[in-house]
Amino acid sequence: MFWEEHGCEAEWCVGDPDDPIPLLLRLRLPRPLGGVGVDILWAHKRWQREALNQAMEIRVSRMKLPVLHPEDLVLMKLEAGGPQDLLDVETLLSKAPPELDSRRLTRKARALGLHVLLRKCSP
């Protein structure tokens, strides 16, 4: 695989058909690139594709990488709903980056039926 040939660790995670994240590629970049881990999701829902269109760019080493806007990351983690995902949401909300718009997050969580879970994870 391309990623492994370039020193990355790569793991495909395939969920059940009703899994909120049915396909995920988890990569860990090599140490010279910071050893950063990334998850690449298959955006199979319209709101997920919209989230990708609103992605922000961050610089890792000499590369610019698109990352989800904080609200969209929270929503995807809420939808995944695993214990680590919910801990991640609690951490993101307790140390909210300045880019996080809590009103937009609440509005989108309500539209997706995730607002009760969001409230449980809020500080």
PDB file of N, CA and C in Angstrom:
ATOM      1  N   MET A   1       0.840  -1.170   0.000  1.00  0.00           N
ATOM      2  CA  MET A   1       0.000   0.000   0.000  1.00  0.00           C
ATOM      3  C   MET A   1       0.890   1.241   0.000  1.00  0.00           C
ATOM      4  N   PHE A   2       0.457   2.293  -0.655  1.00  0.00           N
ATOM      5  CA  PHE A   2       1.204   3.546  -0.790  1.00  0.00           C
ATOM      6  C   PHE A   2       1.691   4.059   0.562  1.00  0.00           C
ATOM      7  N   TRP A   3       0.793   4.118   1.553  1.00  0.00           N
ATOM      8  CA  TRP A   3       1.144   4.714   2.848  1.00  0.00           C
ATOM      9  C   TRP A   3       2.238   3.923   3.546  1.00  0.00           C
ATOM     10  N   GLU A   4       2.124   2.612   3.537  1.00  0.00           N
ATOM     11  CA  GLU A   4       3.131   1.786   4.190  1.00  0.00           C
ATOM     12  C   GLU A   4       4.479   1.893   3.490  1.00  0.00           C
ATOM     13  N   GLU A   5       4.453   2.029   2.160  1.00  0.00           N
ATOM     14  CA  GLU A   5       5.697   2.198   1.411  1.00  0.00           C
ATOM     15  C   GLU A   5       6.407   3.490   1.783  1.00  0.00           C
ATOM     16  N   HIS A   6       5.657   4.454   2.325  1.00  0.00           N
ATOM     17  CA  HIS A   6       6.234   5.740   2.720  1.00  0.00           C
ATOM     18  C   HIS A   6       6.399   5.859   4.239  1.00  0.00           C
ATOM     19  N   GLY A   7       6.449   4.720   4.922  1.00  0.00           N
ATOM     20  CA  GLY A   7       6.770   4.704   6.343  1.00  0.00           C
ATOM     21  C   GLY A   7       5.611   4.926   7.290  1.00  0.00           C
ATOM     22  N   CYS A   8       4.386   4.930   6.799  1.00  0.00           N
ATOM     23  CA  CYS A   8       3.216   5.109   7.658  1.00  0.00           C
ATOM     24  C   CYS A   8       2.694   3.754   8.126  1.00  0.00           C
ATOM     25  N   GLU A   9       2.118   3.750   9.312  1.00  0.00           N
ATOM     26  CA  GLU A   9       1.361   2.584   9.748  1.00  0.00           C
ATOM     27  C   GLU A   9      -0.063   2.800   9.245  1.00  0.00           C
ATOM     28  N   ALA A  10      -0.654   1.786   8.642  1.00  0.00           N
ATOM     29  CA  ALA A  10      -2.005   1.915   8.086  1.00  0.00           C
ATOM     30  C   ALA A  10      -2.874   0.765   8.582  1.00  0.00           C
ATOM     31  N   GLU A  11      -4.095   1.114   8.977  1.00  0.00           N
ATOM     32  CA  GLU A  11      -5.044   0.103   9.442  1.00  0.00           C
ATOM     33  C   GLU A  11      -6.433   0.443   8.901  1.00  0.00           C
ATOM     34  N   TRP A  12      -7.027  -0.497   8.192  1.00  0.00           N
ATOM     35  CA  TRP A  12      -8.398  -0.340   7.716  1.00  0.00           C
ATOM     36  C   TRP A  12      -9.340  -0.862   8.790  1.00  0.00           C
ATOM     37  N   CYS A  13     -10.359  -0.079   9.119  1.00  0.00           N
ATOM     38  CA  CYS A  13     -11.377  -0.491  10.085  1.00  0.00           C
ATOM     39  C   CYS A  13     -12.708  -0.528   9.338  1.00  0.00           C
ATOM     40  N   VAL A  14     -13.296  -1.711   9.264  1.00  0.00           N
ATOM     41  CA  VAL A  14     -14.563  -1.888   8.560  1.00  0.00           C
ATOM     42  C   VAL A  14     -15.625  -2.235   9.587  1.00  0.00           C
ATOM     43  N   GLY A  15     -16.676  -1.413   9.639  1.00  0.00           N
ATOM     44  CA  GLY A  15     -17.766  -1.648  10.580  1.00  0.00           C
ATOM     45  C   GLY A  15     -18.921  -2.377   9.918  1.00  0.00           C
ATOM     46  N   ASP A  16     -19.923  -2.629  10.705  1.00  0.00           N
ATOM     47  CA  ASP A  16     -21.149  -3.236  10.198  1.00  0.00           C
ATOM     48  C   ASP A  16     -21.871  -2.245   9.303  1.00  0.00           C
ATOM     49  N   PRO A  17     -22.794  -2.718   8.447  1.00  0.00           N
ATOM     50  CA  PRO A  17     -23.519  -1.812   7.546  1.00  0.00           C
ATOM     51  C   PRO A  17     -24.260  -0.677   8.271  1.00  0.00           C
ATOM     52  N   ASP A  18     -24.723  -0.931   9.507  1.00  0.00           N
ATOM     53  CA  ASP A  18     -25.444   0.117  10.236  1.00  0.00           C
ATOM     54  C   ASP A  18     -24.531   0.946  11.141  1.00  0.00           C
ATOM     55  N   ASP A  19     -23.232   0.698  11.070  1.00  0.00           N
ATOM     56  CA  ASP A  19     -22.257   1.440  11.859  1.00  0.00           C
ATOM     57  C   ASP A  19     -22.233   2.894  11.385  1.00  0.00           C
ATOM     58  N   PRO A  20     -22.198   3.874  12.321  1.00  0.00           N
ATOM     59  CA  PRO A  20     -22.133   5.283  11.899  1.00  0.00           C
ATOM     60  C   PRO A  20     -20.878   5.605  11.089  1.00  0.00           C
ATOM     61  N   ILE A  21     -19.813   4.858  11.320  1.00  0.00           N
ATOM     62  CA  ILE A  21     -18.570   5.019  10.562  1.00  0.00           C
ATOM     63  C   ILE A  21     -18.253   3.653   9.950  1.00  0.00           C
ATOM     64  N   PRO A  22     -18.839   3.333   8.792  1.00  0.00           N
ATOM     65  CA  PRO A  22     -18.667   1.987   8.238  1.00  0.00           C
ATOM     66  C   PRO A  22     -17.283   1.712   7.659  1.00  0.00           C
ATOM     67  N   LEU A  23     -16.519   2.759   7.347  1.00  0.00           N
ATOM     68  CA  LEU A  23     -15.194   2.550   6.764  1.00  0.00           C
ATOM     69  C   LEU A  23     -14.260   3.663   7.222  1.00  0.00           C
ATOM     70  N   LEU A  24     -13.096   3.252   7.731  1.00  0.00           N
ATOM     71  CA  LEU A  24     -12.139   4.195   8.286  1.00  0.00           C
ATOM     72  C   LEU A  24     -10.743   3.699   7.966  1.00  0.00           C
ATOM     73  N   LEU A  25      -9.895   4.601   7.544  1.00  0.00           N
ATOM     74  CA  LEU A  25      -8.477   4.306   7.373  1.00  0.00           C
ATOM     75  C   LEU A  25      -7.729   5.090   8.440  1.00  0.00           C
ATOM     76  N   ARG A  26      -7.058   4.372   9.333  1.00  0.00           N
ATOM     77  CA  ARG A  26      -6.304   5.004  10.410  1.00  0.00           C
ATOM     78  C   ARG A  26      -4.827   4.965  10.030  1.00  0.00           C
ATOM     79  N   LEU A  27      -4.208   6.146   9.992  1.00  0.00           N
ATOM     80  CA  LEU A  27      -2.793   6.266   9.619  1.00  0.00           C
ATOM     81  C   LEU A  27      -1.999   6.884  10.756  1.00  0.00           C
ATOM     82  N   ARG A  28      -0.771   6.434  10.908  1.00  0.00           N
ATOM     83  CA  ARG A  28       0.177   7.089  11.801  1.00  0.00           C
ATOM     84  C   ARG A  28       1.365   7.453  10.940  1.00  0.00           C
ATOM     85  N   LEU A  29       1.627   8.768  10.843  1.00  0.00           N
ATOM     86  CA  LEU A  29       2.733   9.245  10.026  1.00  0.00           C
ATOM     87  C   LEU A  29       4.062   8.907  10.689  1.00  0.00           C
ATOM     88  N   PRO A  30       5.128   8.758   9.898  1.00  0.00           N
ATOM     89  CA  PRO A  30       6.430   8.432  10.490  1.00  0.00           C
ATOM     90  C   PRO A  30       6.957   9.577  11.354  1.00  0.00           C
ATOM     91  N   ARG A  31       7.872   9.252  12.243  1.00  0.00           N
ATOM     92  CA  ARG A  31       8.421  10.242  13.176  1.00  0.00           C
ATOM     93  C   ARG A  31       8.960  11.505  12.501  1.00  0.00           C
ATOM     94  N   PRO A  32       9.671  11.405  11.364  1.00  0.00           N
ATOM     95  CA  PRO A  32      10.171  12.632  10.738  1.00  0.00           C
ATOM     96  C   PRO A  32       9.043  13.617  10.378  1.00  0.00           C
ATOM     97  N   LEU A  33       7.833  13.099  10.224  1.00  0.00           N
ATOM     98  CA  LEU A  33       6.686  13.973   9.944  1.00  0.00           C
ATOM     99  C   LEU A  33       5.879  14.249  11.209  1.00  0.00           C
ATOM    100  N   GLY A  34       6.457  13.971  12.359  1.00  0.00           N
ATOM    101  CA  GLY A  34       5.812  14.307  13.620  1.00  0.00           C
ATOM    102  C   GLY A  34       5.111  13.150  14.304  1.00  0.00           C
ATOM    103  N   GLY A  35       5.035  11.982  13.656  1.00  0.00           N
ATOM    104  CA  GLY A  35       4.371  10.847  14.277  1.00  0.00           C
ATOM    105  C   GLY A  35       2.887  11.062  14.519  1.00  0.00           C
ATOM    106  N   VAL A  36       2.295  11.966  13.793  1.00  0.00           N
ATOM    107  CA  VAL A  36       0.888  12.320  13.977  1.00  0.00           C
ATOM    108  C   VAL A  36      -0.007  11.198  13.469  1.00  0.00           C
ATOM    109  N   GLY A  37      -1.094  10.946  14.190  1.00  0.00           N
ATOM    110  CA  GLY A  37      -2.079   9.972  13.750  1.00  0.00           C
ATOM    111  C   GLY A  37      -3.264  10.686  13.117  1.00  0.00           C
ATOM    112  N   VAL A  38      -3.797  10.084  12.079  1.00  0.00           N
ATOM    113  CA  VAL A  38      -4.964  10.666  11.403  1.00  0.00           C
ATOM    114  C   VAL A  38      -5.966   9.554  11.099  1.00  0.00           C
ATOM    115  N   ASP A  39      -7.231   9.922  11.112  1.00  0.00           N
ATOM    116  CA  ASP A  39      -8.294   9.023  10.693  1.00  0.00           C
ATOM    117  C   ASP A  39      -8.909   9.590   9.427  1.00  0.00           C
ATOM    118  N   ILE A  40      -9.031   8.758   8.420  1.00  0.00           N
ATOM    119  CA  ILE A  40      -9.663   9.162   7.163  1.00  0.00           C
ATOM    120  C   ILE A  40     -10.973   8.394   7.071  1.00  0.00           C
ATOM    121  N   LEU A  41     -12.078   9.137   7.070  1.00  0.00           N
ATOM    122  CA  LEU A  41     -13.404   8.531   7.093  1.00  0.00           C
ATOM    123  C   LEU A  41     -14.025   8.510   5.717  1.00  0.00           C
ATOM    124  N   TRP A  42     -14.852   7.533   5.496  1.00  0.00           N
ATOM    125  CA  TRP A  42     -15.690   7.516   4.296  1.00  0.00           C
ATOM    126  C   TRP A  42     -16.918   8.346   4.625  1.00  0.00           C
ATOM    127  N   ALA A  43     -17.080   9.462   3.955  1.00  0.00           N
ATOM    128  CA  ALA A  43     -18.218  10.359   4.188  1.00  0.00           C
ATOM    129  C   ALA A  43     -19.408   9.851   3.381  1.00  0.00           C
ATOM    130  N   HIS A  44     -20.212   9.010   4.007  1.00  0.00           N
ATOM    131  CA  HIS A  44     -21.319   8.386   3.292  1.00  0.00           C
ATOM    132  C   HIS A  44     -22.659   9.083   3.517  1.00  0.00           C
ATOM    133  N   LYS A  45     -22.676  10.111   4.351  1.00  0.00           N
ATOM    134  CA  LYS A  45     -23.909  10.874   4.594  1.00  0.00           C
ATOM    135  C   LYS A  45     -23.722  12.296   4.075  1.00  0.00           C
ATOM    136  N   ARG A  46     -24.829  12.900   3.696  1.00  0.00           N
ATOM    137  CA  ARG A  46     -24.747  14.246   3.126  1.00  0.00           C
ATOM    138  C   ARG A  46     -24.106  15.236   4.092  1.00  0.00           C
ATOM    139  N   TRP A  47     -24.500  15.215   5.368  1.00  0.00           N
ATOM    140  CA  TRP A  47     -23.946  16.182   6.316  1.00  0.00           C
ATOM    141  C   TRP A  47     -22.445  15.974   6.500  1.00  0.00           C
ATOM    142  N   GLN A  48     -21.977  14.730   6.353  1.00  0.00           N
ATOM    143  CA  GLN A  48     -20.546  14.468   6.460  1.00  0.00           C
ATOM    144  C   GLN A  48     -19.800  15.052   5.261  1.00  0.00           C
ATOM    145  N   ARG A  49     -20.396  14.916   4.078  1.00  0.00           N
ATOM    146  CA  ARG A  49     -19.764  15.504   2.880  1.00  0.00           C
ATOM    147  C   ARG A  49     -19.739  17.027   2.994  1.00  0.00           C
ATOM    148  N   GLU A  50     -20.797  17.609   3.535  1.00  0.00           N
ATOM    149  CA  GLU A  50     -20.822  19.063   3.755  1.00  0.00           C
ATOM    150  C   GLU A  50     -19.718  19.465   4.735  1.00  0.00           C
ATOM    151  N   ALA A  51     -19.513  18.643   5.764  1.00  0.00           N
ATOM    152  CA  ALA A  51     -18.450  18.926   6.738  1.00  0.00           C
ATOM    153  C   ALA A  51     -17.080  18.926   6.059  1.00  0.00           C
ATOM    154  N   LEU A  52     -16.876  18.005   5.125  1.00  0.00           N
ATOM    155  CA  LEU A  52     -15.597  17.966   4.405  1.00  0.00           C
ATOM    156  C   LEU A  52     -15.391  19.229   3.580  1.00  0.00           C
ATOM    157  N   ASN A  53     -16.471  19.752   3.024  1.00  0.00           N
ATOM    158  CA  ASN A  53     -16.364  20.980   2.233  1.00  0.00           C
ATOM    159  C   ASN A  53     -16.015  22.193   3.090  1.00  0.00           C
ATOM    160  N   GLN A  54     -16.262  22.106   4.403  1.00  0.00           N
ATOM    161  CA  GLN A  54     -15.972  23.219   5.316  1.00  0.00           C
ATOM    162  C   GLN A  54     -14.676  22.993   6.094  1.00  0.00           C
ATOM    163  N   ALA A  55     -13.900  21.998   5.680  1.00  0.00           N
ATOM    164  CA  ALA A  55     -12.669  21.659   6.402  1.00  0.00           C
ATOM    165  C   ALA A  55     -11.706  22.843   6.456  1.00  0.00           C
ATOM    166  N   MET A  56     -10.917  22.860   7.514  1.00  0.00           N
ATOM    167  CA  MET A  56      -9.881  23.872   7.694  1.00  0.00           C
ATOM    168  C   MET A  56      -8.550  23.226   7.316  1.00  0.00           C
ATOM    169  N   GLU A  57      -7.565  24.035   7.023  1.00  0.00           N
ATOM    170  CA  GLU A  57      -6.231  23.503   6.726  1.00  0.00           C
ATOM    171  C   GLU A  57      -5.305  23.762   7.897  1.00  0.00           C
ATOM    172  N   ILE A  58      -4.504  22.742   8.220  1.00  0.00           N
ATOM    173  CA  ILE A  58      -3.444  22.916   9.210  1.00  0.00           C
ATOM    174  C   ILE A  58      -2.132  22.522   8.550  1.00  0.00           C
ATOM    175  N   ARG A  59      -1.064  23.049   9.070  1.00  0.00           N
ATOM    176  CA  ARG A  59       0.258  22.741   8.533  1.00  0.00           C
ATOM    177  C   ARG A  59       0.908  21.681   9.415  1.00  0.00           C
ATOM    178  N   VAL A  60       1.336  20.592   8.774  1.00  0.00           N
ATOM    179  CA  VAL A  60       2.092  19.542   9.442  1.00  0.00           C
ATOM    180  C   VAL A  60       3.393  19.419   8.662  1.00  0.00           C
ATOM    181  N   SER A  61       4.473  19.784   9.328  1.00  0.00           N
ATOM    182  CA  SER A  61       5.761  19.828   8.673  1.00  0.00           C
ATOM    183  C   SER A  61       5.651  20.808   7.499  1.00  0.00           C
ATOM    184  N   ARG A  62       5.876  20.354   6.270  1.00  0.00           N
ATOM    185  CA  ARG A  62       5.776  21.253   5.116  1.00  0.00           C
ATOM    186  C   ARG A  62       4.488  21.048   4.333  1.00  0.00           C
ATOM    187  N   MET A  63       3.589  20.245   4.890  1.00  0.00           N
ATOM    188  CA  MET A  63       2.345  19.927   4.176  1.00  0.00           C
ATOM    189  C   MET A  63       1.162  20.650   4.804  1.00  0.00           C
ATOM    190  N   LYS A  64       0.194  20.991   3.973  1.00  0.00           N
ATOM    191  CA  LYS A  64      -1.084  21.501   4.465  1.00  0.00           C
ATOM    192  C   LYS A  64      -2.088  20.361   4.372  1.00  0.00           C
ATOM    193  N   LEU A  65      -2.762  20.085   5.502  1.00  0.00           N
ATOM    194  CA  LEU A  65      -3.723  18.994   5.542  1.00  0.00           C
ATOM    195  C   LEU A  65      -5.105  19.518   5.905  1.00  0.00           C
ATOM    196  N   PRO A  66      -6.137  19.038   5.226  1.00  0.00           N
ATOM    197  CA  PRO A  66      -7.492  19.443   5.620  1.00  0.00           C
ATOM    198  C   PRO A  66      -7.924  18.670   6.871  1.00  0.00           C
ATOM    199  N   VAL A  67      -8.520  19.374   7.810  1.00  0.00           N
ATOM    200  CA  VAL A  67      -9.078  18.751   9.016  1.00  0.00           C
ATOM    201  C   VAL A  67     -10.491  19.283   9.215  1.00  0.00           C
ATOM    202  N   LEU A  68     -11.296  18.479   9.864  1.00  0.00           N
ATOM    203  CA  LEU A  68     -12.664  18.900  10.120  1.00  0.00           C
ATOM    204  C   LEU A  68     -12.709  20.127  11.020  1.00  0.00           C
ATOM    205  N   HIS A  69     -13.698  20.970  10.780  1.00  0.00           N
ATOM    206  CA  HIS A  69     -13.960  22.091  11.665  1.00  0.00           C
ATOM    207  C   HIS A  69     -14.326  21.502  13.024  1.00  0.00           C
ATOM    208  N   PRO A  70     -13.989  22.162  14.135  1.00  0.00           N
ATOM    209  CA  PRO A  70     -14.237  21.573  15.461  1.00  0.00           C
ATOM    210  C   PRO A  70     -15.676  21.091  15.686  1.00  0.00           C
ATOM    211  N   GLU A  71     -16.678  21.863  15.226  1.00  0.00           N
ATOM    212  CA  GLU A  71     -18.069  21.424  15.432  1.00  0.00           C
ATOM    213  C   GLU A  71     -18.345  20.116  14.704  1.00  0.00           C
ATOM    214  N   ASP A  72     -17.830  20.002  13.488  1.00  0.00           N
ATOM    215  CA  ASP A  72     -18.070  18.793  12.701  1.00  0.00           C
ATOM    216  C   ASP A  72     -17.351  17.591  13.296  1.00  0.00           C
ATOM    217  N   LEU A  73     -16.168  17.817  13.846  1.00  0.00           N
ATOM    218  CA  LEU A  73     -15.448  16.737  14.516  1.00  0.00           C
ATOM    219  C   LEU A  73     -16.254  16.250  15.725  1.00  0.00           C
ATOM    220  N   VAL A  74     -16.770  17.179  16.516  1.00  0.00           N
ATOM    221  CA  VAL A  74     -17.592  16.817  17.677  1.00  0.00           C
ATOM    222  C   VAL A  74     -18.809  16.011  17.222  1.00  0.00           C
ATOM    223  N   LEU A  75     -19.475  16.472  16.174  1.00  0.00           N
ATOM    224  CA  LEU A  75     -20.666  15.769  15.690  1.00  0.00           C
ATOM    225  C   LEU A  75     -20.342  14.354  15.218  1.00  0.00           C
ATOM    226  N   MET A  76     -19.238  14.193  14.505  1.00  0.00           N
ATOM    227  CA  MET A  76     -18.868  12.855  14.036  1.00  0.00           C
ATOM    228  C   MET A  76     -18.541  11.940  15.212  1.00  0.00           C
ATOM    229  N   LYS A  77     -17.865  12.485  16.220  1.00  0.00           N
ATOM    230  CA  LYS A  77     -17.547  11.677  17.391  1.00  0.00           C
ATOM    231  C   LYS A  77     -18.806  11.345  18.186  1.00  0.00           C
ATOM    232  N   LEU A  78     -19.741  12.285  18.283  1.00  0.00           N
ATOM    233  CA  LEU A  78     -21.011  11.992  18.953  1.00  0.00           C
ATOM    234  C   LEU A  78     -21.758  10.887  18.224  1.00  0.00           C
ATOM    235  N   GLU A  79     -21.770  10.971  16.905  1.00  0.00           N
ATOM    236  CA  GLU A  79     -22.481   9.959  16.136  1.00  0.00           C
ATOM    237  C   GLU A  79     -21.809   8.593  16.271  1.00  0.00           C
ATOM    238  N   ALA A  80     -20.478   8.553  16.295  1.00  0.00           N
ATOM    239  CA  ALA A  80     -19.777   7.282  16.469  1.00  0.00           C
ATOM    240  C   ALA A  80     -20.130   6.696  17.835  1.00  0.00           C
ATOM    241  N   GLY A  81     -20.135   7.549  18.859  1.00  0.00           N
ATOM    242  CA  GLY A  81     -20.670   7.191  20.166  1.00  0.00           C
ATOM    243  C   GLY A  81     -19.897   6.198  21.007  1.00  0.00           C
ATOM    244  N   GLY A  82     -18.676   5.855  20.611  1.00  0.00           N
ATOM    245  CA  GLY A  82     -17.880   4.942  21.432  1.00  0.00           C
ATOM    246  C   GLY A  82     -17.368   5.649  22.681  1.00  0.00           C
ATOM    247  N   PRO A  83     -16.959   4.884  23.684  1.00  0.00           N
ATOM    248  CA  PRO A  83     -16.471   5.502  24.925  1.00  0.00           C
ATOM    249  C   PRO A  83     -15.338   6.496  24.692  1.00  0.00           C
ATOM    250  N   GLN A  84     -14.358   6.146  23.842  1.00  0.00           N
ATOM    251  CA  GLN A  84     -13.249   7.065  23.576  1.00  0.00           C
ATOM    252  C   GLN A  84     -13.742   8.286  22.810  1.00  0.00           C
ATOM    253  N   ASP A  85     -14.693   8.089  21.889  1.00  0.00           N
ATOM    254  CA  ASP A  85     -15.255   9.224  21.144  1.00  0.00           C
ATOM    255  C   ASP A  85     -15.895  10.227  22.097  1.00  0.00           C
ATOM    256  N   LEU A  86     -16.663   9.730  23.058  1.00  0.00           N
ATOM    257  CA  LEU A  86     -17.355  10.622  23.999  1.00  0.00           C
ATOM    258  C   LEU A  86     -16.364  11.315  24.933  1.00  0.00           C
ATOM    259  N   LEU A  87     -15.299  10.608  25.326  1.00  0.00           N
ATOM    260  CA  LEU A  87     -14.240  11.269  26.111  1.00  0.00           C
ATOM    261  C   LEU A  87     -13.565  12.358  25.293  1.00  0.00           C
ATOM    262  N   ASP A  88     -13.342  12.088  24.008  1.00  0.00           N
ATOM    263  CA  ASP A  88     -12.760  13.098  23.120  1.00  0.00           C
ATOM    264  C   ASP A  88     -13.658  14.330  23.044  1.00  0.00           C
ATOM    265  N   VAL A  89     -14.966  14.114  22.955  1.00  0.00           N
ATOM    266  CA  VAL A  89     -15.911  15.235  22.888  1.00  0.00           C
ATOM    267  C   VAL A  89     -15.825  16.052  24.172  1.00  0.00           C
ATOM    268  N   GLU A  90     -15.807  15.375  25.322  1.00  0.00           N
ATOM    269  CA  GLU A  90     -15.700  16.101  26.595  1.00  0.00           C
ATOM    270  C   GLU A  90     -14.433  16.948  26.627  1.00  0.00           C
ATOM    271  N   THR A  91     -13.326  16.382  26.161  1.00  0.00           N
ATOM    272  CA  THR A  91     -12.063  17.118  26.140  1.00  0.00           C
ATOM    273  C   THR A  91     -12.133  18.298  25.180  1.00  0.00           C
ATOM    274  N   LEU A  92     -12.666  18.063  23.983  1.00  0.00           N
ATOM    275  CA  LEU A  92     -12.786  19.156  23.009  1.00  0.00           C
ATOM    276  C   LEU A  92     -13.645  20.297  23.547  1.00  0.00           C
ATOM    277  N   LEU A  93     -14.728  19.951  24.217  1.00  0.00           N
ATOM    278  CA  LEU A  93     -15.624  20.990  24.723  1.00  0.00           C
ATOM    279  C   LEU A  93     -15.040  21.700  25.941  1.00  0.00           C
ATOM    280  N   SER A  94     -14.279  20.994  26.768  1.00  0.00           N
ATOM    281  CA  SER A  94     -13.705  21.641  27.955  1.00  0.00           C
ATOM    282  C   SER A  94     -12.515  22.523  27.595  1.00  0.00           C
ATOM    283  N   LYS A  95     -11.857  22.210  26.475  1.00  0.00           N
ATOM    284  CA  LYS A  95     -10.721  23.012  26.008  1.00  0.00           C
ATOM    285  C   LYS A  95     -11.044  23.525  24.613  1.00  0.00           C
ATOM    286  N   ALA A  96     -12.210  24.121  24.485  1.00  0.00           N
ATOM    287  CA  ALA A  96     -12.727  24.514  23.170  1.00  0.00           C
ATOM    288  C   ALA A  96     -11.779  25.460  22.437  1.00  0.00           C
ATOM    289  N   PRO A  97     -11.426  25.104  21.208  1.00  0.00           N
ATOM    290  CA  PRO A  97     -10.609  26.013  20.407  1.00  0.00           C
ATOM    291  C   PRO A  97     -11.427  27.245  20.037  1.00  0.00           C
ATOM    292  N   PRO A  98     -10.766  28.355  19.747  1.00  0.00           N
ATOM    293  CA  PRO A  98     -11.503  29.581  19.428  1.00  0.00           C
ATOM    294  C   PRO A  98     -12.392  29.443  18.195  1.00  0.00           C
ATOM    295  N   GLU A  99     -12.085  28.483  17.309  1.00  0.00           N
ATOM    296  CA  GLU A  99     -12.878  28.302  16.096  1.00  0.00           C
ATOM    297  C   GLU A  99     -14.223  27.617  16.359  1.00  0.00           C
ATOM    298  N   LEU A 100     -14.394  27.037  17.545  1.00  0.00           N
ATOM    299  CA  LEU A 100     -15.624  26.307  17.841  1.00  0.00           C
ATOM    300  C   LEU A 100     -16.774  27.275  18.111  1.00  0.00           C
ATOM    301  N   ASP A 101     -17.826  27.157  17.332  1.00  0.00           N
ATOM    302  CA  ASP A 101     -19.030  27.980  17.473  1.00  0.00           C
ATOM    303  C   ASP A 101     -20.090  27.133  18.177  1.00  0.00           C
ATOM    304  N   SER A 102     -20.279  27.373  19.475  1.00  0.00           N
ATOM    305  CA  SER A 102     -21.169  26.518  20.267  1.00  0.00           C
ATOM    306  C   SER A 102     -22.625  26.611  19.806  1.00  0.00           C
ATOM    307  N   ARG A 103     -23.053  27.764  19.325  1.00  0.00           N
ATOM    308  CA  ARG A 103     -24.443  27.878  18.823  1.00  0.00           C
ATOM    309  C   ARG A 103     -24.633  27.044  17.562  1.00  0.00           C
ATOM    310  N   ARG A 104     -23.659  27.078  16.664  1.00  0.00           N
ATOM    311  CA  ARG A 104     -23.733  26.267  15.446  1.00  0.00           C
ATOM    312  C   ARG A 104     -23.702  24.782  15.800  1.00  0.00           C
ATOM    313  N   LEU A 105     -22.849  24.413  16.744  1.00  0.00           N
ATOM    314  CA  LEU A 105     -22.758  23.028  17.183  1.00  0.00           C
ATOM    315  C   LEU A 105     -24.094  22.552  17.751  1.00  0.00           C
ATOM    316  N   THR A 106     -24.690  23.323  18.621  1.00  0.00           N
ATOM    317  CA  THR A 106     -25.972  22.945  19.227  1.00  0.00           C
ATOM    318  C   THR A 106     -27.052  22.817  18.171  1.00  0.00           C
ATOM    319  N   ARG A 107     -27.095  23.759  17.233  1.00  0.00           N
ATOM    320  CA  ARG A 107     -28.107  23.730  16.167  1.00  0.00           C
ATOM    321  C   ARG A 107     -27.947  22.485  15.291  1.00  0.00           C
ATOM    322  N   LYS A 108     -26.711  22.183  14.908  1.00  0.00           N
ATOM    323  CA  LYS A 108     -26.486  21.006  14.064  1.00  0.00           C
ATOM    324  C   LYS A 108     -26.724  19.712  14.830  1.00  0.00           C
ATOM    325  N   ALA A 109     -26.351  19.679  16.112  1.00  0.00           N
ATOM    326  CA  ALA A 109     -26.580  18.480  16.930  1.00  0.00           C
ATOM    327  C   ALA A 109     -28.077  18.207  17.048  1.00  0.00           C
ATOM    328  N   ARG A 110     -28.879  19.251  17.215  1.00  0.00           N
ATOM    329  CA  ARG A 110     -30.330  19.093  17.297  1.00  0.00           C
ATOM    330  C   ARG A 110     -30.873  18.535  15.975  1.00  0.00           C
ATOM    331  N   ALA A 111     -30.398  19.079  14.853  1.00  0.00           N
ATOM    332  CA  ALA A 111     -30.873  18.631  13.536  1.00  0.00           C
ATOM    333  C   ALA A 111     -30.525  17.161  13.283  1.00  0.00           C
ATOM    334  N   LEU A 112     -29.419  16.693  13.863  1.00  0.00           N
ATOM    335  CA  LEU A 112     -28.981  15.306  13.661  1.00  0.00           C
ATOM    336  C   LEU A 112     -29.472  14.362  14.764  1.00  0.00           C
ATOM    337  N   GLY A 113     -30.218  14.894  15.720  1.00  0.00           N
ATOM    338  CA  GLY A 113     -30.701  14.064  16.820  1.00  0.00           C
ATOM    339  C   GLY A 113     -29.620  13.703  17.823  1.00  0.00           C
ATOM    340  N   LEU A 114     -28.583  14.535  17.912  1.00  0.00           N
ATOM    341  CA  LEU A 114     -27.462  14.268  18.806  1.00  0.00           C
ATOM    342  C   LEU A 114     -27.396  15.236  19.976  1.00  0.00           C
ATOM    343  N   HIS A 115     -28.410  16.097  20.127  1.00  0.00           N
ATOM    344  CA  HIS A 115     -28.348  17.166  21.126  1.00  0.00           C
ATOM    345  C   HIS A 115     -28.362  16.644  22.569  1.00  0.00           C
ATOM    346  N   VAL A 116     -29.071  15.547  22.854  1.00  0.00           N
ATOM    347  CA  VAL A 116     -29.095  15.006  24.211  1.00  0.00           C
ATOM    348  C   VAL A 116     -27.703  14.489  24.586  1.00  0.00           C
ATOM    349  N   LEU A 117     -27.086  13.783  23.666  1.00  0.00           N
ATOM    350  CA  LEU A 117     -25.728  13.274  23.897  1.00  0.00           C
ATOM    351  C   LEU A 117     -24.729  14.420  24.048  1.00  0.00           C
ATOM    352  N   LEU A 118     -24.893  15.462  23.237  1.00  0.00           N
ATOM    353  CA  LEU A 118     -24.030  16.646  23.338  1.00  0.00           C
ATOM    354  C   LEU A 118     -24.147  17.265  24.735  1.00  0.00           C
ATOM    355  N   ARG A 119     -25.374  17.381  25.219  1.00  0.00           N
ATOM    356  CA  ARG A 119     -25.604  17.966  26.552  1.00  0.00           C
ATOM    357  C   ARG A 119     -24.910  17.127  27.622  1.00  0.00           C
ATOM    358  N   LYS A 120     -24.943  15.801  27.488  1.00  0.00           N
ATOM    359  CA  LYS A 120     -24.293  14.918  28.467  1.00  0.00           C
ATOM    360  C   LYS A 120     -22.780  15.099  28.479  1.00  0.00           C
ATOM    361  N   CYS A 121     -22.209  15.436  27.340  1.00  0.00           N
ATOM    362  CA  CYS A 121     -20.755  15.576  27.224  1.00  0.00           C
ATOM    363  C   CYS A 121     -20.269  16.997  27.546  1.00  0.00           C
ATOM    364  N   SER A 122     -21.202  17.935  27.655  1.00  0.00           N
ATOM    365  CA  SER A 122     -20.820  19.336  27.880  1.00  0.00           C
ATOM    366  C   SER A 122     -20.374  19.556  29.315  1.00  0.00           C
ATOM    367  N   PRO A 123     -19.363  20.421  29.493  1.00  0.00           N
ATOM    368  CA  PRO A 123     -18.863  20.697  30.855  1.00  0.00           C
ATOM    369  C   PRO A 123     -19.878  21.458  31.695  1.00  0.00           C
TER     370      PRO A 123
END
